[in-house]
PDB file of N, CA and C in Angstrom:
ATOM      1  N   MET A   1      11.763   4.987  -4.718  1.00  0.00           N
ATOM      2  CA  MET A   1      10.372   4.616  -4.682  1.00  0.00           C
ATOM      3  C   MET A   1       9.794   4.977  -3.217  1.00  0.00           C
ATOM      4  N   LYS A   2       8.741   5.503  -3.280  1.00  0.00           N
ATOM      5  CA  LYS A   2       8.041   6.040  -1.954  1.00  0.00           C
ATOM      6  C   LYS A   2       7.396   4.782  -1.315  1.00  0.00           C
ATOM      7  N   THR A   3       7.388   4.763  -0.024  1.00  0.00           N
ATOM      8  CA  THR A   3       6.710   3.685   0.700  1.00  0.00           C
ATOM      9  C   THR A   3       5.577   4.396   1.464  1.00  0.00           C
ATOM     10  N   ILE A   4       4.405   3.834   1.436  1.00  0.00           N
ATOM     11  CA  ILE A   4       3.298   4.394   2.108  1.00  0.00           C
ATOM     12  C   ILE A   4       2.972   3.524   3.380  1.00  0.00           C
ATOM     13  N   ILE A   5       2.718   4.141   4.509  1.00  0.00           N
ATOM     14  CA  ILE A   5       2.339   3.482   5.767  1.00  0.00           C
ATOM     15  C   ILE A   5       0.944   4.020   6.032  1.00  0.00           C
ATOM     16  N   TYR A   6      -0.067   3.179   6.176  1.00  0.00           N
ATOM     17  CA  TYR A   6      -1.254   3.550   6.774  1.00  0.00           C
ATOM     18  C   TYR A   6      -1.107   3.339   8.358  1.00  0.00           C
ATOM     19  N   HIS A   7      -1.087   4.490   9.007  1.00  0.00           N
ATOM     20  CA  HIS A   7      -0.563   4.540  10.343  1.00  0.00           C
ATOM     21  C   HIS A   7      -1.532   5.073  11.369  1.00  0.00           C
ATOM     22  N   ASN A   8      -1.497   4.463  12.520  1.00  0.00           N
ATOM     23  CA  ASN A   8      -2.258   4.946  13.715  1.00  0.00           C
ATOM     24  C   ASN A   8      -1.230   5.323  14.765  1.00  0.00           C
ATOM     25  N   PRO A   9      -0.925   6.589  15.072  1.00  0.00           N
ATOM     26  CA  PRO A   9       0.194   6.860  15.934  1.00  0.00           C
ATOM     27  C   PRO A   9      -0.075   6.401  17.370  1.00  0.00           C
ATOM     28  N   GLN A  10      -1.382   6.052  17.727  1.00  0.00           N
ATOM     29  CA  GLN A  10      -1.688   5.533  19.074  1.00  0.00           C
ATOM     30  C   GLN A  10      -1.344   4.073  19.333  1.00  0.00           C
ATOM     31  N   CYS A  11      -1.085   3.383  18.053  1.00  0.00           N
ATOM     32  CA  CYS A  11      -0.777   1.999  18.147  1.00  0.00           C
ATOM     33  C   CYS A  11       0.670   1.686  18.296  1.00  0.00           C
ATOM     34  N   SER A  12       1.209   0.805  19.249  1.00  0.00           N
ATOM     35  CA  SER A  12       2.512   0.579  19.328  1.00  0.00           C
ATOM     36  C   SER A  12       3.046  -0.112  18.124  1.00  0.00           C
ATOM     37  N   LYS A  13       2.243  -1.132  17.633  1.00  0.00           N
ATOM     38  CA  LYS A  13       2.785  -1.888  16.407  1.00  0.00           C
ATOM     39  C   LYS A  13       2.969  -1.054  15.236  1.00  0.00           C
ATOM     40  N   SER A  14       2.066  -0.072  15.120  1.00  0.00           N
ATOM     41  CA  SER A  14       2.203   0.891  13.971  1.00  0.00           C
ATOM     42  C   SER A  14       3.364   1.767  14.132  1.00  0.00           C
ATOM     43  N   ARG A  15       3.655   2.291  15.345  1.00  0.00           N
ATOM     44  CA  ARG A  15       4.819   3.012  15.629  1.00  0.00           C
ATOM     45  C   ARG A  15       6.054   2.199  15.262  1.00  0.00           C
ATOM     46  N   GLU A  16       6.015   1.049  15.719  1.00  0.00           N
ATOM     47  CA  GLU A  16       7.194   0.109  15.453  1.00  0.00           C
ATOM     48  C   GLU A  16       7.421   0.012  14.022  1.00  0.00           C
ATOM     49  N   GLY A  17       6.271  -0.179  13.283  1.00  0.00           N
ATOM     50  CA  GLY A  17       6.443  -0.280  11.738  1.00  0.00           C
ATOM     51  C   GLY A  17       7.090   0.943  11.127  1.00  0.00           C
ATOM     52  N   LEU A  18       6.704   2.049  11.523  1.00  0.00           N
ATOM     53  CA  LEU A  18       7.160   3.350  11.163  1.00  0.00           C
ATOM     54  C   LEU A  18       8.702   3.478  11.486  1.00  0.00           C
ATOM     55  N   CYS A  19       9.122   3.129  12.612  1.00  0.00           N
ATOM     56  CA  CYS A  19      10.466   3.123  13.133  1.00  0.00           C
ATOM     57  C   CYS A  19      11.354   2.162  12.121  1.00  0.00           C
ATOM     58  N   VAL A  20      10.798   1.049  11.807  1.00  0.00           N
ATOM     59  CA  VAL A  20      11.595   0.127  10.888  1.00  0.00           C
ATOM     60  C   VAL A  20      11.761   0.750   9.584  1.00  0.00           C
ATOM     61  N   LEU A  21      10.842   1.515   9.054  1.00  0.00           N
ATOM     62  CA  LEU A  21      10.884   2.189   7.808  1.00  0.00           C
ATOM     63  C   LEU A  21      11.923   3.300   7.856  1.00  0.00           C
ATOM     64  N   GLU A  22      11.792   4.055   8.932  1.00  0.00           N
ATOM     65  CA  GLU A  22      12.775   5.076   9.153  1.00  0.00           C
ATOM     66  C   GLU A  22      14.271   4.635   9.302  1.00  0.00           C
ATOM     67  N   GLU A  23      14.445   3.469  10.051  1.00  0.00           N
ATOM     68  CA  GLU A  23      15.775   3.040  10.226  1.00  0.00           C
ATOM     69  C   GLU A  23      16.363   2.558   8.911  1.00  0.00           C
ATOM     70  N   ILE A  24      15.530   1.954   8.138  1.00  0.00           N
ATOM     71  CA  ILE A  24      16.002   1.525   6.807  1.00  0.00           C
ATOM     72  C   ILE A  24      16.403   2.689   5.851  1.00  0.00           C
ATOM     73  N   GLY A  25      15.767   3.824   6.237  1.00  0.00           N
ATOM     74  CA  GLY A  25      16.051   4.985   5.450  1.00  0.00           C
ATOM     75  C   GLY A  25      15.113   5.150   4.162  1.00  0.00           C
ATOM     76  N   GLU A  26      13.981   4.595   4.431  1.00  0.00           N
ATOM     77  CA  GLU A  26      12.891   4.730   3.346  1.00  0.00           C
ATOM     78  C   GLU A  26      12.296   6.089   3.278  1.00  0.00           C
ATOM     79  N   ASP A  27      11.889   6.473   2.044  1.00  0.00           N
ATOM     80  CA  ASP A  27      11.189   7.636   1.860  1.00  0.00           C
ATOM     81  C   ASP A  27       9.632   7.399   2.031  1.00  0.00           C
ATOM     82  N   VAL A  28       9.197   7.763   3.227  1.00  0.00           N
ATOM     83  CA  VAL A  28       7.950   7.346   3.617  1.00  0.00           C
ATOM     84  C   VAL A  28       6.867   8.410   3.654  1.00  0.00           C
ATOM     85  N   VAL A  29       5.637   7.993   3.083  1.00  0.00           N
ATOM     86  CA  VAL A  29       4.467   8.736   3.066  1.00  0.00           C
ATOM     87  C   VAL A  29       3.553   8.197   4.249  1.00  0.00           C
ATOM     88  N   ILE A  30       3.278   9.132   5.226  1.00  0.00           N
ATOM     89  CA  ILE A  30       2.537   8.581   6.377  1.00  0.00           C
ATOM     90  C   ILE A  30       1.077   8.959   6.165  1.00  0.00           C
ATOM     91  N   LYS A  31       0.264   8.008   6.165  1.00  0.00           N
ATOM     92  CA  LYS A  31      -1.147   8.327   6.069  1.00  0.00           C
ATOM     93  C   LYS A  31      -1.882   7.919   7.426  1.00  0.00           C
ATOM     94  N   ASN A  32      -2.148   8.948   8.070  1.00  0.00           N
ATOM     95  CA  ASN A  32      -3.072   8.665   9.348  1.00  0.00           C
ATOM     96  C   ASN A  32      -4.462   8.446   8.957  1.00  0.00           C
ATOM     97  N   TYR A  33      -4.760   7.094   8.830  1.00  0.00           N
ATOM     98  CA  TYR A  33      -6.039   6.688   8.211  1.00  0.00           C
ATOM     99  C   TYR A  33      -7.236   7.160   9.177  1.00  0.00           C
ATOM    100  N   LEU A  34      -6.947   7.302  10.469  1.00  0.00           N
ATOM    101  CA  LEU A  34      -8.106   7.612  11.371  1.00  0.00           C
ATOM    102  C   LEU A  34      -8.538   9.034  11.120  1.00  0.00           C
ATOM    103  N   ILE A  35      -7.587   9.936  10.651  1.00  0.00           N
ATOM    104  CA  ILE A  35      -7.991  11.340  10.448  1.00  0.00           C
ATOM    105  C   ILE A  35      -8.513  11.441   8.966  1.00  0.00           C
ATOM    106  N   GLU A  36      -7.793  10.778   7.991  1.00  0.00           N
ATOM    107  CA  GLU A  36      -8.215  10.751   6.649  1.00  0.00           C
ATOM    108  C   GLU A  36      -8.340   9.349   6.181  1.00  0.00           C
ATOM    109  N   PRO A  37      -9.529   8.811   6.439  1.00  0.00           N
ATOM    110  CA  PRO A  37      -9.835   7.351   5.956  1.00  0.00           C
ATOM    111  C   PRO A  37      -9.571   7.184   4.473  1.00  0.00           C
ATOM    112  N   PRO A  38      -9.146   5.976   4.176  1.00  0.00           N
ATOM    113  CA  PRO A  38      -8.939   5.744   2.778  1.00  0.00           C
ATOM    114  C   PRO A  38     -10.128   5.741   2.005  1.00  0.00           C
ATOM    115  N   THR A  39     -10.047   6.016   0.744  1.00  0.00           N
ATOM    116  CA  THR A  39     -11.246   5.952  -0.177  1.00  0.00           C
ATOM    117  C   THR A  39     -11.706   4.612  -0.470  1.00  0.00           C
ATOM    118  N   TYR A  40     -12.772   4.363  -1.083  1.00  0.00           N
ATOM    119  CA  TYR A  40     -13.246   3.071  -1.593  1.00  0.00           C
ATOM    120  C   TYR A  40     -12.218   2.451  -2.504  1.00  0.00           C
ATOM    121  N   LYS A  41     -11.713   3.351  -3.468  1.00  0.00           N
ATOM    122  CA  LYS A  41     -10.806   2.906  -4.445  1.00  0.00           C
ATOM    123  C   LYS A  41      -9.429   2.459  -3.787  1.00  0.00           C
ATOM    124  N   GLU A  42      -8.993   3.226  -2.832  1.00  0.00           N
ATOM    125  CA  GLU A  42      -7.754   2.903  -2.081  1.00  0.00           C
ATOM    126  C   GLU A  42      -7.920   1.550  -1.379  1.00  0.00           C
ATOM    127  N   LEU A  43      -9.066   1.365  -0.682  1.00  0.00           N
ATOM    128  CA  LEU A  43      -9.218   0.163   0.009  1.00  0.00           C
ATOM    129  C   LEU A  43      -9.305  -1.062  -0.888  1.00  0.00           C
ATOM    130  N   GLU A  44      -9.963  -0.866  -2.091  1.00  0.00           N
ATOM    131  CA  GLU A  44      -9.988  -1.951  -3.038  1.00  0.00           C
ATOM    132  C   GLU A  44      -8.566  -2.288  -3.559  1.00  0.00           C
ATOM    133  N   ASN A  45      -7.774  -1.280  -3.769  1.00  0.00           N
ATOM    134  CA  ASN A  45      -6.391  -1.481  -4.174  1.00  0.00           C
ATOM    135  C   ASN A  45      -5.573  -2.257  -3.079  1.00  0.00           C
ATOM    136  N   LEU A  46      -5.785  -1.764  -1.864  1.00  0.00           N
ATOM    137  CA  LEU A  46      -4.989  -2.343  -0.642  1.00  0.00           C
ATOM    138  C   LEU A  46      -5.372  -3.861  -0.692  1.00  0.00           C
ATOM    139  N   LEU A  47      -6.693  -4.168  -0.769  1.00  0.00           N
ATOM    140  CA  LEU A  47      -7.034  -5.611  -0.760  1.00  0.00           C
ATOM    141  C   LEU A  47      -6.420  -6.432  -1.830  1.00  0.00           C
ATOM    142  N   LYS A  48      -6.368  -5.774  -2.957  1.00  0.00           N
ATOM    143  CA  LYS A  48      -5.808  -6.491  -4.173  1.00  0.00           C
ATOM    144  C   LYS A  48      -4.259  -6.779  -3.864  1.00  0.00           C
ATOM    145  N   LEU A  49      -3.615  -5.700  -3.379  1.00  0.00           N
ATOM    146  CA  LEU A  49      -2.188  -5.784  -3.137  1.00  0.00           C
ATOM    147  C   LEU A  49      -1.917  -6.793  -2.011  1.00  0.00           C
ATOM    148  N   LEU A  50      -2.758  -6.810  -0.956  1.00  0.00           N
ATOM    149  CA  LEU A  50      -2.506  -7.792   0.138  1.00  0.00           C
ATOM    150  C   LEU A  50      -2.952  -9.158  -0.234  1.00  0.00           C
ATOM    151  N   LYS A  51      -3.842  -9.216  -1.307  1.00  0.00           N
ATOM    152  CA  LYS A  51      -4.318 -10.620  -1.701  1.00  0.00           C
ATOM    153  C   LYS A  51      -5.258 -11.094  -0.569  1.00  0.00           C
ATOM    154  N   VAL A  52      -6.094 -10.185  -0.045  1.00  0.00           N
ATOM    155  CA  VAL A  52      -7.038 -10.725   0.995  1.00  0.00           C
ATOM    156  C   VAL A  52      -8.379 -10.113   0.796  1.00  0.00           C
ATOM    157  N   LYS A  53      -9.381 -10.642   1.564  1.00  0.00           N
ATOM    158  CA  LYS A  53     -10.860 -10.219   1.502  1.00  0.00           C
ATOM    159  C   LYS A  53     -10.951  -9.101   2.603  1.00  0.00           C
ATOM    160  N   PRO A  54     -11.939  -8.272   2.445  1.00  0.00           N
ATOM    161  CA  PRO A  54     -12.056  -7.210   3.575  1.00  0.00           C
ATOM    162  C   PRO A  54     -12.136  -7.748   4.954  1.00  0.00           C
ATOM    163  N   LEU A  55     -12.811  -8.769   5.237  1.00  0.00           N
ATOM    164  CA  LEU A  55     -12.876  -9.275   6.596  1.00  0.00           C
ATOM    165  C   LEU A  55     -11.501  -9.619   7.127  1.00  0.00           C
ATOM    166  N   ASP A  56     -10.532  -9.952   6.240  1.00  0.00           N
ATOM    167  CA  ASP A  56      -9.143 -10.364   6.690  1.00  0.00           C
ATOM    168  C   ASP A  56      -8.349  -9.169   7.311  1.00  0.00           C
ATOM    169  N   ILE A  57      -8.737  -7.922   7.054  1.00  0.00           N
ATOM    170  CA  ILE A  57      -8.052  -6.738   7.597  1.00  0.00           C
ATOM    171  C   ILE A  57      -8.958  -6.017   8.483  1.00  0.00           C
ATOM    172  N   ILE A  58     -10.020  -6.643   8.976  1.00  0.00           N
ATOM    173  CA  ILE A  58     -10.868  -6.046   9.961  1.00  0.00           C
ATOM    174  C   ILE A  58     -10.440  -6.416  11.376  1.00  0.00           C
ATOM    175  N   ARG A  59     -10.357  -5.455  12.295  1.00  0.00           N
ATOM    176  CA  ARG A  59      -9.886  -5.651  13.627  1.00  0.00           C
ATOM    177  C   ARG A  59     -11.177  -6.132  14.404  1.00  0.00           C
ATOM    178  N   LYS A  60     -11.249  -7.376  14.639  1.00  0.00           N
ATOM    179  CA  LYS A  60     -12.491  -7.891  15.225  1.00  0.00           C
ATOM    180  C   LYS A  60     -12.642  -7.798  16.630  1.00  0.00           C
ATOM    181  N   LYS A  61     -11.568  -7.309  17.355  1.00  0.00           N
ATOM    182  CA  LYS A  61     -11.552  -7.094  18.850  1.00  0.00           C
ATOM    183  C   LYS A  61     -11.866  -5.589  19.150  1.00  0.00           C
ATOM    184  N   GLU A  62     -12.000  -4.759  18.202  1.00  0.00           N
ATOM    185  CA  GLU A  62     -12.402  -3.441  18.432  1.00  0.00           C
ATOM    186  C   GLU A  62     -13.823  -3.321  18.880  1.00  0.00           C
ATOM    187  N   PRO A  63     -14.133  -2.480  19.891  1.00  0.00           N
ATOM    188  CA  PRO A  63     -15.499  -2.373  20.417  1.00  0.00           C
ATOM    189  C   PRO A  63     -16.487  -2.032  19.376  1.00  0.00           C
ATOM    190  N   ILE A  64     -16.134  -1.155  18.441  1.00  0.00           N
ATOM    191  CA  ILE A  64     -17.012  -0.765  17.295  1.00  0.00           C
ATOM    192  C   ILE A  64     -17.469  -1.973  16.463  1.00  0.00           C
ATOM    193  N   PHE A  65     -16.537  -2.923  16.369  1.00  0.00           N
ATOM    194  CA  PHE A  65     -16.868  -4.089  15.555  1.00  0.00           C
ATOM    195  C   PHE A  65     -17.864  -4.926  16.350  1.00  0.00           C
ATOM    196  N   LYS A  66     -17.676  -5.109  17.575  1.00  0.00           N
ATOM    197  CA  LYS A  66     -18.599  -5.946  18.458  1.00  0.00           C
ATOM    198  C   LYS A  66     -19.922  -5.331  18.520  1.00  0.00           C
ATOM    199  N   GLU A  67     -19.923  -3.931  18.511  1.00  0.00           N
ATOM    200  CA  GLU A  67     -21.164  -3.156  18.599  1.00  0.00           C
ATOM    201  C   GLU A  67     -22.047  -3.261  17.311  1.00  0.00           C
ATOM    202  N   LYS A  68     -21.344  -3.027  16.151  1.00  0.00           N
ATOM    203  CA  LYS A  68     -22.067  -2.755  15.018  1.00  0.00           C
ATOM    204  C   LYS A  68     -22.062  -3.880  13.946  1.00  0.00           C
ATOM    205  N   TYR A  69     -21.032  -4.747  14.013  1.00  0.00           N
ATOM    206  CA  TYR A  69     -20.746  -5.614  12.826  1.00  0.00           C
ATOM    207  C   TYR A  69     -20.636  -7.116  13.311  1.00  0.00           C
ATOM    208  N   GLU A  70     -20.397  -7.434  14.447  1.00  0.00           N
ATOM    209  CA  GLU A  70     -20.150  -8.881  14.861  1.00  0.00           C
ATOM    210  C   GLU A  70     -21.382  -9.710  14.504  1.00  0.00           C
ATOM    211  N   GLY A  71     -21.161 -10.694  13.731  1.00  0.00           N
ATOM    212  CA  GLY A  71     -22.195 -11.727  13.433  1.00  0.00           C
ATOM    213  C   GLY A  71     -22.929 -11.315  12.165  1.00  0.00           C
ATOM    214  N   LYS A  72     -22.621 -10.180  11.684  1.00  0.00           N
ATOM    215  CA  LYS A  72     -23.373  -9.795  10.249  1.00  0.00           C
ATOM    216  C   LYS A  72     -22.619 -10.313   9.085  1.00  0.00           C
ATOM    217  N   LYS A  73     -23.512 -10.712   8.089  1.00  0.00           N
ATOM    218  CA  LYS A  73     -22.946 -11.178   6.825  1.00  0.00           C
ATOM    219  C   LYS A  73     -23.078 -10.103   5.809  1.00  0.00           C
ATOM    220  N   LEU A  74     -21.850  -9.293   5.632  1.00  0.00           N
ATOM    221  CA  LEU A  74     -21.820  -8.175   4.775  1.00  0.00           C
ATOM    222  C   LEU A  74     -21.211  -8.524   3.493  1.00  0.00           C
ATOM    223  N   THR A  75     -21.448  -7.824   2.404  1.00  0.00           N
ATOM    224  CA  THR A  75     -20.880  -8.133   1.177  1.00  0.00           C
ATOM    225  C   THR A  75     -19.545  -7.302   1.157  1.00  0.00           C
ATOM    226  N   LYS A  76     -18.567  -7.732   0.215  1.00  0.00           N
ATOM    227  CA  LYS A  76     -17.327  -7.016   0.125  1.00  0.00           C
ATOM    228  C   LYS A  76     -17.588  -5.461   0.011  1.00  0.00           C
ATOM    229  N   LYS A  77     -18.401  -5.000  -0.694  1.00  0.00           N
ATOM    230  CA  LYS A  77     -18.675  -3.516  -0.778  1.00  0.00           C
ATOM    231  C   LYS A  77     -19.157  -2.953   0.538  1.00  0.00           C
ATOM    232  N   GLN A  78     -19.893  -3.628   1.340  1.00  0.00           N
ATOM    233  CA  GLN A  78     -20.452  -3.181   2.648  1.00  0.00           C
ATOM    234  C   GLN A  78     -19.222  -3.185   3.588  1.00  0.00           C
ATOM    235  N   TRP A  79     -18.350  -4.136   3.604  1.00  0.00           N
ATOM    236  CA  TRP A  79     -17.190  -4.214   4.557  1.00  0.00           C
ATOM    237  C   TRP A  79     -16.275  -3.063   4.184  1.00  0.00           C
ATOM    238  N   ILE A  80     -16.089  -2.797   2.939  1.00  0.00           N
ATOM    239  CA  ILE A  80     -15.206  -1.655   2.501  1.00  0.00           C
ATOM    240  C   ILE A  80     -15.905  -0.296   3.029  1.00  0.00           C
ATOM    241  N   GLU A  81     -17.181  -0.205   2.774  1.00  0.00           N
ATOM    242  CA  GLU A  81     -17.997   0.986   3.276  1.00  0.00           C
ATOM    243  C   GLU A  81     -17.817   1.022   4.872  1.00  0.00           C
ATOM    244  N   ALA A  82     -17.861   0.015   5.488  1.00  0.00           N
ATOM    245  CA  ALA A  82     -17.727  -0.074   6.945  1.00  0.00           C
ATOM    246  C   ALA A  82     -16.337   0.501   7.455  1.00  0.00           C
ATOM    247  N   MET A  83     -15.257   0.145   6.698  1.00  0.00           N
ATOM    248  CA  MET A  83     -13.956   0.567   6.991  1.00  0.00           C
ATOM    249  C   MET A  83     -13.880   2.052   6.789  1.00  0.00           C
ATOM    250  N   ILE A  84     -14.503   2.615   5.751  1.00  0.00           N
ATOM    251  CA  ILE A  84     -14.510   4.039   5.501  1.00  0.00           C
ATOM    252  C   ILE A  84     -15.151   4.764   6.559  1.00  0.00           C
ATOM    253  N   GLN A  85     -16.336   4.197   7.034  1.00  0.00           N
ATOM    254  CA  GLN A  85     -17.160   4.872   8.034  1.00  0.00           C
ATOM    255  C   GLN A  85     -16.460   4.659   9.447  1.00  0.00           C
ATOM    256  N   ASP A  86     -15.832   3.606   9.619  1.00  0.00           N
ATOM    257  CA  ASP A  86     -15.186   3.352  11.036  1.00  0.00           C
ATOM    258  C   ASP A  86     -13.833   2.807  10.842  1.00  0.00           C
ATOM    259  N   PRO A  87     -12.904   3.748  10.414  1.00  0.00           N
ATOM    260  CA  PRO A  87     -11.567   3.336   9.947  1.00  0.00           C
ATOM    261  C   PRO A  87     -10.744   2.661  11.046  1.00  0.00           C
ATOM    262  N   ILE A  88     -11.088   2.845  12.391  1.00  0.00           N
ATOM    263  CA  ILE A  88     -10.522   2.167  13.449  1.00  0.00           C
ATOM    264  C   ILE A  88     -10.546   0.630  13.230  1.00  0.00           C
ATOM    265  N   LEU A  89     -11.481   0.113  12.415  1.00  0.00           N
ATOM    266  CA  LEU A  89     -11.566  -1.346  12.082  1.00  0.00           C
ATOM    267  C   LEU A  89     -10.454  -1.797  11.233  1.00  0.00           C
ATOM    268  N   ILE A  90      -9.708  -0.876  10.548  1.00  0.00           N
ATOM    269  CA  ILE A  90      -8.664  -1.378   9.587  1.00  0.00           C
ATOM    270  C   ILE A  90      -7.393  -1.861  10.391  1.00  0.00           C
ATOM    271  N   GLU A  91      -6.979  -3.063  10.083  1.00  0.00           N
ATOM    272  CA  GLU A  91      -5.706  -3.637  10.723  1.00  0.00           C
ATOM    273  C   GLU A  91      -4.599  -2.622  10.355  1.00  0.00           C
ATOM    274  N   ARG A  92      -3.663  -2.551  11.219  1.00  0.00           N
ATOM    275  CA  ARG A  92      -2.548  -1.714  11.100  1.00  0.00           C
ATOM    276  C   ARG A  92      -1.209  -2.264  11.625  1.00  0.00           C
ATOM    277  N   PRO A  93      -0.116  -1.771  11.150  1.00  0.00           N
ATOM    278  CA  PRO A  93       0.084  -0.853   9.965  1.00  0.00           C
ATOM    279  C   PRO A  93      -0.030  -1.653   8.719  1.00  0.00           C
ATOM    280  N   ILE A  94      -0.536  -1.008   7.635  1.00  0.00           N
ATOM    281  CA  ILE A  94      -0.454  -1.584   6.275  1.00  0.00           C
ATOM    282  C   ILE A  94       0.652  -0.743   5.554  1.00  0.00           C
ATOM    283  N   VAL A  95       1.586  -1.407   5.020  1.00  0.00           N
ATOM    284  CA  VAL A  95       2.740  -0.727   4.303  1.00  0.00           C
ATOM    285  C   VAL A  95       2.631  -1.058   2.806  1.00  0.00           C
ATOM    286  N   VAL A  96       2.743  -0.137   1.958  1.00  0.00           N
ATOM    287  CA  VAL A  96       2.638  -0.321   0.478  1.00  0.00           C
ATOM    288  C   VAL A  96       3.987   0.063  -0.072  1.00  0.00           C
ATOM    289  N   ARG A  97       4.547  -0.699  -0.885  1.00  0.00           N
ATOM    290  CA  ARG A  97       5.730  -0.295  -1.642  1.00  0.00           C
ATOM    291  C   ARG A  97       5.618  -0.775  -3.133  1.00  0.00           C
ATOM    292  N   GLY A  98       5.377   0.055  -4.047  1.00  0.00           N
ATOM    293  CA  GLY A  98       5.262  -0.358  -5.500  1.00  0.00           C
ATOM    294  C   GLY A  98       3.920  -1.072  -5.552  1.00  0.00           C
ATOM    295  N   ASP A  99       3.989  -2.364  -6.120  1.00  0.00           N
ATOM    296  CA  ASP A  99       2.815  -3.146  -6.277  1.00  0.00           C
ATOM    297  C   ASP A  99       2.715  -4.228  -5.269  1.00  0.00           C
ATOM    298  N   LYS A 100       3.309  -4.050  -4.086  1.00  0.00           N
ATOM    299  CA  LYS A 100       3.283  -5.056  -2.994  1.00  0.00           C
ATOM    300  C   LYS A 100       2.803  -4.338  -1.659  1.00  0.00           C
ATOM    301  N   ALA A 101       2.250  -5.108  -0.832  1.00  0.00           N
ATOM    302  CA  ALA A 101       1.771  -4.526   0.490  1.00  0.00           C
ATOM    303  C   ALA A 101       1.897  -5.589   1.562  1.00  0.00           C
ATOM    304  N   VAL A 102       1.944  -5.293   2.759  1.00  0.00           N
ATOM    305  CA  VAL A 102       1.941  -6.165   3.849  1.00  0.00           C
ATOM    306  C   VAL A 102       1.231  -5.504   5.101  1.00  0.00           C
ATOM    307  N   ILE A 103       0.733  -6.274   5.979  1.00  0.00           N
ATOM    308  CA  ILE A 103       0.215  -5.888   7.152  1.00  0.00           C
ATOM    309  C   ILE A 103       1.480  -5.931   8.120  1.00  0.00           C
ATOM    310  N   GLY A 104       2.003  -4.934   8.694  1.00  0.00           N
ATOM    311  CA  GLY A 104       3.296  -5.036   9.333  1.00  0.00           C
ATOM    312  C   GLY A 104       3.264  -5.585  10.722  1.00  0.00           C
ATOM    313  N   ARG A 105       2.659  -6.764  10.770  1.00  0.00           N
ATOM    314  CA  ARG A 105       2.637  -7.509  12.185  1.00  0.00           C
ATOM    315  C   ARG A 105       3.106  -8.954  11.856  1.00  0.00           C
ATOM    316  N   PRO A 106       4.305  -9.350  12.347  1.00  0.00           N
ATOM    317  CA  PRO A 106       5.274  -8.564  13.047  1.00  0.00           C
ATOM    318  C   PRO A 106       5.951  -7.610  12.173  1.00  0.00           C
ATOM    319  N   PRO A 107       6.669  -6.610  12.650  1.00  0.00           N
ATOM    320  CA  PRO A 107       7.477  -5.605  11.910  1.00  0.00           C
ATOM    321  C   PRO A 107       8.407  -6.191  10.800  1.00  0.00           C
ATOM    322  N   THR A 108       8.890  -7.396  11.219  1.00  0.00           N
ATOM    323  CA  THR A 108       9.850  -8.033  10.207  1.00  0.00           C
ATOM    324  C   THR A 108       9.302  -8.199   8.796  1.00  0.00           C
ATOM    325  N   LEU A 109       7.964  -8.325   8.726  1.00  0.00           N
ATOM    326  CA  LEU A 109       7.331  -8.419   7.407  1.00  0.00           C
ATOM    327  C   LEU A 109       7.628  -7.171   6.694  1.00  0.00           C
ATOM    328  N   ILE A 110       7.727  -5.972   7.291  1.00  0.00           N
ATOM    329  CA  ILE A 110       8.074  -4.751   6.555  1.00  0.00           C
ATOM    330  C   ILE A 110       9.387  -4.860   5.873  1.00  0.00           C
ATOM    331  N   LYS A 111      10.339  -5.272   6.737  1.00  0.00           N
ATOM    332  CA  LYS A 111      11.699  -5.515   6.235  1.00  0.00           C
ATOM    333  C   LYS A 111      11.778  -6.436   5.041  1.00  0.00           C
ATOM    334  N   ASP A 112      10.957  -7.493   5.190  1.00  0.00           N
ATOM    335  CA  ASP A 112      10.885  -8.462   3.941  1.00  0.00           C
ATOM    336  C   ASP A 112      10.345  -7.693   2.678  1.00  0.00           C
ATOM    337  N   LEU A 113       9.427  -6.850   2.971  1.00  0.00           N
ATOM    338  CA  LEU A 113       8.677  -6.160   1.803  1.00  0.00           C
ATOM    339  C   LEU A 113       9.773  -5.134   1.131  1.00  0.00           C
ATOM    340  N   ILE A 114      10.667  -4.558   1.890  1.00  0.00           N
ATOM    341  CA  ILE A 114      11.429  -3.542   1.389  1.00  0.00           C
ATOM    342  C   ILE A 114      12.692  -4.279   0.620  1.00  0.00           C
ATOM    343  N   LYS A 115      13.017  -5.420   1.029  1.00  0.00           N
ATOM    344  CA  LYS A 115      14.213  -6.081   0.403  1.00  0.00           C
ATOM    345  C   LYS A 115      14.153  -6.202  -1.099  1.00  0.00           C
TER     346      LYS A 115
END
């Protein structure tokens, strides 16, 4: 079974998550979501697998969040569109295996997912 990681190579936690997967010997598909943002459908599926709302996976400390989105009441659809437009907003790493997903913070959550 392939494991997908939504990865930002500049992020230390994302790199740690990828290392965990490689150490376990997982067959990993790396999605650099900053270069190729997830589609609307992908984000909807990630939210379903994570069992969260869009705002739960938004990085609220990002400057772009503070500039464009802080204090705004957006719909689910608008938040998903915001993540497509500004993918740096997406929390990382997100790891998907089968019909389960986790935000890999801390990286031990990734190990729990793979078990």
